[in-house]
């Protein structure tokens, strides 16, 4: 897995596109959480909550959600998206909470930005004994056409495609001192319009960092490839993902 560490300011500039173009996760993933120890009435910390994409579904299932994130603009967007939740600015490696403050914790599509071992130690510290900690990602399906379109756009401007954040698995999960561990792999299909996909690409921090001054050229090349394949900016495209859900429980 690629370990990258981004400051809150790096994500502040992405907040508007996050809020407009980012999608969440399948209902089946949240169903799985409920079978793996997450219950109505629990207090749940979302570590690296971003704009609150995971907090909304958890709150809708009766959980009391709190979010922590280093980026003030992300937190401001999350406050609008998930009214009634609580929010704190901070990093997962040094959580600003007392020991055993929460019944459970989650982190969605974010742990590759943290120092994973420190992050897990902090989550285990603030979650009550026996409480579940869930971390998940979604990645483009290995045979989804969007992979080839991204790669073609990269070749066109002379850069390498950004690798999947979960490439090689999530070894920190297996190093953490959990009493039990579960991995669930769940398919998910999302629908985008062509131009909404470009907005989504613009919201991704990894290409911003990797392509730098060539980012706009990459986006233009990708949009040209999408239009060549699908014909219209308003055309809907089904994108296939694989969701990797890791759940461990803190020692009693």
C-alpha atoms as a PDB file:
ATOM      1  CA  UNK A   1       0.000   0.000   0.000  1.00  0.00           C
ATOM      2  CA  UNK A   2       1.187   3.510  -0.709  1.00  0.00           C
ATOM      3  CA  UNK A   3       1.665   5.569   2.421  1.00  0.00           C
ATOM      4  CA  UNK A   4       1.018   9.259   1.816  1.00  0.00           C
ATOM      5  CA  UNK A   5       0.495  12.035   4.300  1.00  0.00           C
ATOM      6  CA  UNK A   6      -1.405  15.179   3.366  1.00  0.00           C
ATOM      7  CA  UNK A   7      -1.945  18.296   5.393  1.00  0.00           C
ATOM      8  CA  UNK A   8      -5.368  19.699   6.072  1.00  0.00           C
ATOM      9  CA  UNK A   9      -4.596  22.651   3.809  1.00  0.00           C
ATOM     10  CA  UNK A  10      -3.979  20.275   0.907  1.00  0.00           C
ATOM     11  CA  UNK A  11      -7.574  19.092   1.168  1.00  0.00           C
ATOM     12  CA  UNK A  12      -9.180  22.465   1.870  1.00  0.00           C
ATOM     13  CA  UNK A  13      -8.923  23.355  -1.811  1.00  0.00           C
ATOM     14  CA  UNK A  14     -10.753  20.146  -2.747  1.00  0.00           C
ATOM     15  CA  UNK A  15     -13.757  20.588  -0.459  1.00  0.00           C
ATOM     16  CA  UNK A  16     -16.089  22.165  -3.023  1.00  0.00           C
ATOM     17  CA  UNK A  17     -15.500  19.416  -5.580  1.00  0.00           C
ATOM     18  CA  UNK A  18     -15.756  16.776  -2.848  1.00  0.00           C
ATOM     19  CA  UNK A  19     -19.162  18.059  -1.873  1.00  0.00           C
ATOM     20  CA  UNK A  20     -20.426  18.242  -5.436  1.00  0.00           C
ATOM     21  CA  UNK A  21     -18.967  15.167  -7.116  1.00  0.00           C
ATOM     22  CA  UNK A  22     -17.961  12.590  -4.523  1.00  0.00           C
ATOM     23  CA  UNK A  23     -20.205   9.606  -4.018  1.00  0.00           C
ATOM     24  CA  UNK A  24     -20.442   7.448  -0.933  1.00  0.00           C
ATOM     25  CA  UNK A  25     -20.622   3.699  -0.507  1.00  0.00           C
ATOM     26  CA  UNK A  26     -23.195   0.999  -1.041  1.00  0.00           C
ATOM     27  CA  UNK A  27     -26.044   0.304   1.366  1.00  0.00           C
ATOM     28  CA  UNK A  28     -24.710  -3.261   1.505  1.00  0.00           C
ATOM     29  CA  UNK A  29     -21.524  -1.958   3.123  1.00  0.00           C
ATOM     30  CA  UNK A  30     -23.503  -0.278   5.901  1.00  0.00           C
ATOM     31  CA  UNK A  31     -25.627  -3.418   6.250  1.00  0.00           C
ATOM     32  CA  UNK A  32     -22.388  -5.346   6.751  1.00  0.00           C
ATOM     33  CA  UNK A  33     -21.291  -2.917   9.468  1.00  0.00           C
ATOM     34  CA  UNK A  34     -24.493  -3.674  11.367  1.00  0.00           C
ATOM     35  CA  UNK A  35     -23.715  -7.406  11.248  1.00  0.00           C
ATOM     36  CA  UNK A  36     -20.177  -6.715  12.510  1.00  0.00           C
ATOM     37  CA  UNK A  37     -20.954  -4.879  15.727  1.00  0.00           C
ATOM     38  CA  UNK A  38     -22.232  -1.420  14.767  1.00  0.00           C
ATOM     39  CA  UNK A  39     -25.570  -0.756  16.485  1.00  0.00           C
ATOM     40  CA  UNK A  40     -28.235   1.917  16.738  1.00  0.00           C
ATOM     41  CA  UNK A  41     -27.457   4.285  19.606  1.00  0.00           C
ATOM     42  CA  UNK A  42     -23.691   3.782  19.448  1.00  0.00           C
ATOM     43  CA  UNK A  43     -21.370   6.775  19.504  1.00  0.00           C
ATOM     44  CA  UNK A  44     -19.199   6.450  16.383  1.00  0.00           C
ATOM     45  CA  UNK A  45     -16.123   8.483  15.460  1.00  0.00           C
ATOM     46  CA  UNK A  46     -15.429   9.017  11.747  1.00  0.00           C
ATOM     47  CA  UNK A  47     -11.665   9.526  11.457  1.00  0.00           C
ATOM     48  CA  UNK A  48     -10.760  11.602   8.407  1.00  0.00           C
ATOM     49  CA  UNK A  49     -14.443  12.355   7.888  1.00  0.00           C
ATOM     50  CA  UNK A  50     -13.973  14.742   4.951  1.00  0.00           C
ATOM     51  CA  UNK A  51     -17.336  16.133   3.889  1.00  0.00           C
ATOM     52  CA  UNK A  52     -19.281  13.550   5.908  1.00  0.00           C
ATOM     53  CA  UNK A  53     -20.035  10.981   3.199  1.00  0.00           C
ATOM     54  CA  UNK A  54     -19.969   8.106   5.688  1.00  0.00           C
ATOM     55  CA  UNK A  55     -21.480   9.968   8.603  1.00  0.00           C
ATOM     56  CA  UNK A  56     -24.855  10.530   6.944  1.00  0.00           C
ATOM     57  CA  UNK A  57     -25.685   6.837   6.437  1.00  0.00           C
ATOM     58  CA  UNK A  58     -24.491   5.984   9.951  1.00  0.00           C
ATOM     59  CA  UNK A  59     -26.642   8.739  11.444  1.00  0.00           C
ATOM     60  CA  UNK A  60     -29.607   7.531   9.372  1.00  0.00           C
ATOM     61  CA  UNK A  61     -29.197   4.137  11.047  1.00  0.00           C
ATOM     62  CA  UNK A  62     -29.513   5.682  14.477  1.00  0.00           C
ATOM     63  CA  UNK A  63     -25.870   6.104  15.449  1.00  0.00           C
ATOM     64  CA  UNK A  64     -24.507   9.213  17.160  1.00  0.00           C
ATOM     65  CA  UNK A  65     -21.729  10.348  14.865  1.00  0.00           C
ATOM     66  CA  UNK A  66     -18.715  12.580  15.430  1.00  0.00           C
ATOM     67  CA  UNK A  67     -16.189  13.581  12.802  1.00  0.00           C
ATOM     68  CA  UNK A  68     -12.535  14.531  12.998  1.00  0.00           C
ATOM     69  CA  UNK A  69     -10.500  15.893  10.084  1.00  0.00           C
ATOM     70  CA  UNK A  70      -7.457  18.164   9.698  1.00  0.00           C
ATOM     71  CA  UNK A  71      -9.063  20.329   6.969  1.00  0.00           C
ATOM     72  CA  UNK A  72     -11.350  23.166   8.148  1.00  0.00           C
ATOM     73  CA  UNK A  73     -13.082  23.481   4.763  1.00  0.00           C
ATOM     74  CA  UNK A  74     -13.929  19.769   4.779  1.00  0.00           C
ATOM     75  CA  UNK A  75     -15.373  20.086   8.278  1.00  0.00           C
ATOM     76  CA  UNK A  76     -17.439  23.105   7.264  1.00  0.00           C
ATOM     77  CA  UNK A  77     -18.960  21.114   4.397  1.00  0.00           C
ATOM     78  CA  UNK A  78     -19.599  18.125   6.669  1.00  0.00           C
ATOM     79  CA  UNK A  79     -21.432  20.306   9.195  1.00  0.00           C
ATOM     80  CA  UNK A  80     -23.871  21.334   6.470  1.00  0.00           C
ATOM     81  CA  UNK A  81     -24.277  17.781   5.205  1.00  0.00           C
ATOM     82  CA  UNK A  82     -24.765  16.072   8.590  1.00  0.00           C
ATOM     83  CA  UNK A  83     -26.644  18.433  10.932  1.00  0.00           C
ATOM     84  CA  UNK A  84     -26.666  17.289  14.524  1.00  0.00           C
ATOM     85  CA  UNK A  85     -23.277  15.595  14.340  1.00  0.00           C
ATOM     86  CA  UNK A  86     -20.259  16.939  16.202  1.00  0.00           C
ATOM     87  CA  UNK A  87     -16.986  17.891  14.529  1.00  0.00           C
ATOM     88  CA  UNK A  88     -13.426  18.483  15.691  1.00  0.00           C
ATOM     89  CA  UNK A  89     -10.346  19.551  13.781  1.00  0.00           C
ATOM     90  CA  UNK A  90      -7.440  17.180  14.336  1.00  0.00           C
ATOM     91  CA  UNK A  91      -5.270  14.403  12.965  1.00  0.00           C
ATOM     92  CA  UNK A  92      -5.921  10.711  13.405  1.00  0.00           C
ATOM     93  CA  UNK A  93      -2.354  10.128  14.651  1.00  0.00           C
ATOM     94  CA  UNK A  94      -3.041  12.425  17.647  1.00  0.00           C
ATOM     95  CA  UNK A  95      -6.779  12.361  18.294  1.00  0.00           C
ATOM     96  CA  UNK A  96      -8.014  15.176  20.552  1.00  0.00           C
ATOM     97  CA  UNK A  97     -10.273  12.899  22.624  1.00  0.00           C
ATOM     98  CA  UNK A  98     -10.063  11.173  25.981  1.00  0.00           C
ATOM     99  CA  UNK A  99      -9.510   7.434  26.280  1.00  0.00           C
ATOM    100  CA  UNK A 100     -12.612   5.304  25.651  1.00  0.00           C
ATOM    101  CA  UNK A 101     -14.672   8.242  24.380  1.00  0.00           C
ATOM    102  CA  UNK A 102     -16.558   6.285  21.674  1.00  0.00           C
ATOM    103  CA  UNK A 103     -18.336   2.987  21.244  1.00  0.00           C
ATOM    104  CA  UNK A 104     -16.901   2.474  17.745  1.00  0.00           C
ATOM    105  CA  UNK A 105     -14.915   4.157  14.985  1.00  0.00           C
ATOM    106  CA  UNK A 106     -14.756   4.197  11.188  1.00  0.00           C
ATOM    107  CA  UNK A 107     -12.426   5.600   8.556  1.00  0.00           C
ATOM    108  CA  UNK A 108     -13.555   5.631   4.933  1.00  0.00           C
ATOM    109  CA  UNK A 109     -11.206   6.013   1.962  1.00  0.00           C
ATOM    110  CA  UNK A 110      -8.739   7.896   4.132  1.00  0.00           C
ATOM    111  CA  UNK A 111      -6.264   5.660   5.967  1.00  0.00           C
ATOM    112  CA  UNK A 112      -3.679   5.805   3.176  1.00  0.00           C
ATOM    113  CA  UNK A 113      -3.178   9.460   4.131  1.00  0.00           C
ATOM    114  CA  UNK A 114      -2.303   8.580   7.742  1.00  0.00           C
ATOM    115  CA  UNK A 115       0.627   7.007   9.538  1.00  0.00           C
ATOM    116  CA  UNK A 116      -1.382   3.820   9.769  1.00  0.00           C
ATOM    117  CA  UNK A 117       0.131   2.198  12.851  1.00  0.00           C
ATOM    118  CA  UNK A 118      -0.168   5.405  14.879  1.00  0.00           C
ATOM    119  CA  UNK A 119      -3.686   5.899  13.563  1.00  0.00           C
ATOM    120  CA  UNK A 120      -4.801   2.449  14.645  1.00  0.00           C
ATOM    121  CA  UNK A 121      -3.221   2.901  18.074  1.00  0.00           C
ATOM    122  CA  UNK A 122      -5.130   6.153  18.519  1.00  0.00           C
ATOM    123  CA  UNK A 123      -8.440   4.662  17.387  1.00  0.00           C
ATOM    124  CA  UNK A 124      -7.957   1.755  19.775  1.00  0.00           C
ATOM    125  CA  UNK A 125      -7.269   4.250  22.554  1.00  0.00           C
ATOM    126  CA  UNK A 126     -10.454   6.287  22.066  1.00  0.00           C
ATOM    127  CA  UNK A 127     -12.785   3.309  21.420  1.00  0.00           C
ATOM    128  CA  UNK A 128     -14.170   1.397  24.396  1.00  0.00           C
ATOM    129  CA  UNK A 129     -12.930  -2.180  24.973  1.00  0.00           C
ATOM    130  CA  UNK A 130     -14.635  -4.631  22.631  1.00  0.00           C
ATOM    131  CA  UNK A 131     -15.791  -1.863  20.309  1.00  0.00           C
ATOM    132  CA  UNK A 132     -15.545  -2.273  16.526  1.00  0.00           C
ATOM    133  CA  UNK A 133     -13.204  -0.248  14.307  1.00  0.00           C
ATOM    134  CA  UNK A 134     -13.960  -0.301  10.576  1.00  0.00           C
ATOM    135  CA  UNK A 135     -11.760   0.954   7.753  1.00  0.00           C
ATOM    136  CA  UNK A 136     -12.744   0.733   4.108  1.00  0.00           C
ATOM    137  CA  UNK A 137     -11.879   1.745   0.569  1.00  0.00           C
ATOM    138  CA  UNK A 138     -13.503   1.426  -2.796  1.00  0.00           C
ATOM    139  CA  UNK A 139     -11.349   0.857  -5.867  1.00  0.00           C
ATOM    140  CA  UNK A 140     -12.226   0.735  -9.529  1.00  0.00           C
ATOM    141  CA  UNK A 141     -12.931  -2.811 -10.644  1.00  0.00           C
ATOM    142  CA  UNK A 142      -9.911  -4.418 -12.268  1.00  0.00           C
ATOM    143  CA  UNK A 143     -11.712  -4.690 -15.618  1.00  0.00           C
ATOM    144  CA  UNK A 144     -13.722  -1.464 -15.502  1.00  0.00           C
ATOM    145  CA  UNK A 145     -13.260   0.581 -18.723  1.00  0.00           C
ATOM    146  CA  UNK A 146     -12.467   3.690 -16.685  1.00  0.00           C
ATOM    147  CA  UNK A 147      -9.081   2.199 -15.814  1.00  0.00           C
ATOM    148  CA  UNK A 148      -8.114   2.000 -19.478  1.00  0.00           C
ATOM    149  CA  UNK A 149      -9.418   5.515 -20.130  1.00  0.00           C
ATOM    150  CA  UNK A 150      -7.351   6.903 -17.255  1.00  0.00           C
ATOM    151  CA  UNK A 151      -4.251   5.069 -18.463  1.00  0.00           C
ATOM    152  CA  UNK A 152      -4.734   6.350 -22.015  1.00  0.00           C
ATOM    153  CA  UNK A 153      -5.066   9.940 -20.767  1.00  0.00           C
ATOM    154  CA  UNK A 154      -1.838   9.528 -18.789  1.00  0.00           C
ATOM    155  CA  UNK A 155       0.039   8.168 -21.809  1.00  0.00           C
ATOM    156  CA  UNK A 156      -1.215  11.071 -23.855  1.00  0.00           C
ATOM    157  CA  UNK A 157       0.402  13.639 -21.539  1.00  0.00           C
ATOM    158  CA  UNK A 158       3.435  11.553 -20.563  1.00  0.00           C
ATOM    159  CA  UNK A 159       2.735  10.663 -16.919  1.00  0.00           C
ATOM    160  CA  UNK A 160       2.225   7.400 -15.055  1.00  0.00           C
ATOM    161  CA  UNK A 161      -1.251   6.531 -13.722  1.00  0.00           C
ATOM    162  CA  UNK A 162      -1.702   7.019  -9.985  1.00  0.00           C
ATOM    163  CA  UNK A 163      -1.645   3.561  -8.340  1.00  0.00           C
ATOM    164  CA  UNK A 164      -4.559   2.353  -6.235  1.00  0.00           C
ATOM    165  CA  UNK A 165      -4.222   3.514  -2.635  1.00  0.00           C
ATOM    166  CA  UNK A 166      -4.820  -0.063  -1.431  1.00  0.00           C
ATOM    167  CA  UNK A 167      -2.333  -1.722  -3.762  1.00  0.00           C
ATOM    168  CA  UNK A 168      -0.738  -4.661  -1.952  1.00  0.00           C
ATOM    169  CA  UNK A 169      -3.381  -4.844   0.766  1.00  0.00           C
ATOM    170  CA  UNK A 170      -3.665  -3.182   4.138  1.00  0.00           C
ATOM    171  CA  UNK A 171      -0.946  -4.703   6.303  1.00  0.00           C
ATOM    172  CA  UNK A 172      -1.459  -2.243   9.181  1.00  0.00           C
ATOM    173  CA  UNK A 173      -4.859  -3.819   9.838  1.00  0.00           C
ATOM    174  CA  UNK A 174      -3.178  -7.145  10.530  1.00  0.00           C
ATOM    175  CA  UNK A 175      -0.464  -5.568  12.689  1.00  0.00           C
ATOM    176  CA  UNK A 176      -3.007  -3.841  14.936  1.00  0.00           C
ATOM    177  CA  UNK A 177      -3.771  -5.454  18.298  1.00  0.00           C
ATOM    178  CA  UNK A 178      -7.352  -6.474  17.557  1.00  0.00           C
ATOM    179  CA  UNK A 179      -9.202  -9.233  19.367  1.00  0.00           C
ATOM    180  CA  UNK A 180     -10.856 -10.247  16.083  1.00  0.00           C
ATOM    181  CA  UNK A 181     -10.563  -9.299  12.416  1.00  0.00           C
ATOM    182  CA  UNK A 182     -12.907  -9.538   9.452  1.00  0.00           C
ATOM    183  CA  UNK A 183     -12.475  -8.598   5.792  1.00  0.00           C
ATOM    184  CA  UNK A 184     -15.509  -8.246   3.535  1.00  0.00           C
ATOM    185  CA  UNK A 185     -15.234  -7.590  -0.211  1.00  0.00           C
ATOM    186  CA  UNK A 186     -18.362  -5.978  -1.617  1.00  0.00           C
ATOM    187  CA  UNK A 187     -19.166  -4.939  -5.220  1.00  0.00           C
ATOM    188  CA  UNK A 188     -20.683  -1.530  -5.924  1.00  0.00           C
ATOM    189  CA  UNK A 189     -21.827   0.096  -9.170  1.00  0.00           C
ATOM    190  CA  UNK A 190     -22.204   3.884  -9.321  1.00  0.00           C
ATOM    191  CA  UNK A 191     -23.589   6.000 -12.137  1.00  0.00           C
ATOM    192  CA  UNK A 192     -21.911   9.218 -13.304  1.00  0.00           C
ATOM    193  CA  UNK A 193     -22.429  11.619 -16.150  1.00  0.00           C
ATOM    194  CA  UNK A 194     -19.272  12.146 -18.205  1.00  0.00           C
ATOM    195  CA  UNK A 195     -18.713  15.678 -16.935  1.00  0.00           C
ATOM    196  CA  UNK A 196     -19.487  14.665 -13.358  1.00  0.00           C
ATOM    197  CA  UNK A 197     -16.712  12.076 -13.617  1.00  0.00           C
ATOM    198  CA  UNK A 198     -14.296  14.836 -14.588  1.00  0.00           C
ATOM    199  CA  UNK A 199     -15.458  16.756 -11.508  1.00  0.00           C
ATOM    200  CA  UNK A 200     -14.814  13.659  -9.428  1.00  0.00           C
ATOM    201  CA  UNK A 201     -11.310  13.335 -10.888  1.00  0.00           C
ATOM    202  CA  UNK A 202     -10.680  16.970  -9.992  1.00  0.00           C
ATOM    203  CA  UNK A 203     -11.598  16.185  -6.363  1.00  0.00           C
ATOM    204  CA  UNK A 204      -8.878  13.509  -6.014  1.00  0.00           C
ATOM    205  CA  UNK A 205      -5.835  14.579  -4.029  1.00  0.00           C
ATOM    206  CA  UNK A 206      -3.470  11.936  -5.438  1.00  0.00           C
ATOM    207  CA  UNK A 207      -3.606  13.112  -9.098  1.00  0.00           C
ATOM    208  CA  UNK A 208      -3.249  16.723  -7.943  1.00  0.00           C
ATOM    209  CA  UNK A 209      -0.013  15.781  -6.201  1.00  0.00           C
ATOM    210  CA  UNK A 210       1.258  13.402  -8.896  1.00  0.00           C
ATOM    211  CA  UNK A 211       0.501  15.419 -12.029  1.00  0.00           C
ATOM    212  CA  UNK A 212       1.049  18.947 -10.726  1.00  0.00           C
ATOM    213  CA  UNK A 213       1.082  21.415 -13.603  1.00  0.00           C
ATOM    214  CA  UNK A 214      -0.084  18.651 -15.970  1.00  0.00           C
ATOM    215  CA  UNK A 215      -3.349  18.053 -14.076  1.00  0.00           C
ATOM    216  CA  UNK A 216      -5.494  20.124 -16.457  1.00  0.00           C
ATOM    217  CA  UNK A 217      -3.921  18.423 -19.468  1.00  0.00           C
ATOM    218  CA  UNK A 218      -4.735  15.044 -17.885  1.00  0.00           C
ATOM    219  CA  UNK A 219      -8.343  16.067 -17.267  1.00  0.00           C
ATOM    220  CA  UNK A 220      -8.700  17.365 -20.834  1.00  0.00           C
ATOM    221  CA  UNK A 221      -7.254  14.139 -22.247  1.00  0.00           C
ATOM    222  CA  UNK A 222      -9.518  12.023 -20.047  1.00  0.00           C
ATOM    223  CA  UNK A 223     -12.603  14.013 -21.029  1.00  0.00           C
ATOM    224  CA  UNK A 224     -11.707  13.623 -24.713  1.00  0.00           C
ATOM    225  CA  UNK A 225     -11.414   9.872 -24.220  1.00  0.00           C
ATOM    226  CA  UNK A 226     -14.746   9.705 -22.393  1.00  0.00           C
ATOM    227  CA  UNK A 227     -16.493  11.689 -25.120  1.00  0.00           C
ATOM    228  CA  UNK A 228     -14.964   9.484 -27.815  1.00  0.00           C
ATOM    229  CA  UNK A 229     -16.313   6.412 -26.049  1.00  0.00           C
ATOM    230  CA  UNK A 230     -19.659   7.650 -24.735  1.00  0.00           C
ATOM    231  CA  UNK A 231     -20.548  10.519 -27.069  1.00  0.00           C
ATOM    232  CA  UNK A 232     -22.069  13.192 -24.824  1.00  0.00           C
ATOM    233  CA  UNK A 233     -21.085  15.125 -21.687  1.00  0.00           C
ATOM    234  CA  UNK A 234     -24.500  14.235 -20.243  1.00  0.00           C
ATOM    235  CA  UNK A 235     -24.229  10.519 -21.031  1.00  0.00           C
ATOM    236  CA  UNK A 236     -24.523   8.308 -17.967  1.00  0.00           C
ATOM    237  CA  UNK A 237     -21.727   5.838 -17.345  1.00  0.00           C
ATOM    238  CA  UNK A 238     -21.888   2.914 -14.907  1.00  0.00           C
ATOM    239  CA  UNK A 239     -18.618   2.557 -13.009  1.00  0.00           C
ATOM    240  CA  UNK A 240     -17.880  -0.693 -11.199  1.00  0.00           C
ATOM    241  CA  UNK A 241     -16.075  -0.646  -7.866  1.00  0.00           C
ATOM    242  CA  UNK A 242     -14.844  -3.191  -5.381  1.00  0.00           C
ATOM    243  CA  UNK A 243     -15.222  -2.144  -1.739  1.00  0.00           C
ATOM    244  CA  UNK A 244     -12.759  -3.530   0.816  1.00  0.00           C
ATOM    245  CA  UNK A 245     -14.175  -3.427   4.347  1.00  0.00           C
ATOM    246  CA  UNK A 246     -11.828  -4.223   7.245  1.00  0.00           C
ATOM    247  CA  UNK A 247     -13.367  -4.543  10.733  1.00  0.00           C
ATOM    248  CA  UNK A 248     -11.513  -5.317  13.947  1.00  0.00           C
ATOM    249  CA  UNK A 249     -12.578  -5.221  17.585  1.00  0.00           C
ATOM    250  CA  UNK A 250     -10.525  -3.662  20.372  1.00  0.00           C
ATOM    251  CA  UNK A 251      -9.386  -6.041  23.122  1.00  0.00           C
ATOM    252  CA  UNK A 252     -11.772  -6.433  26.076  1.00  0.00           C
END
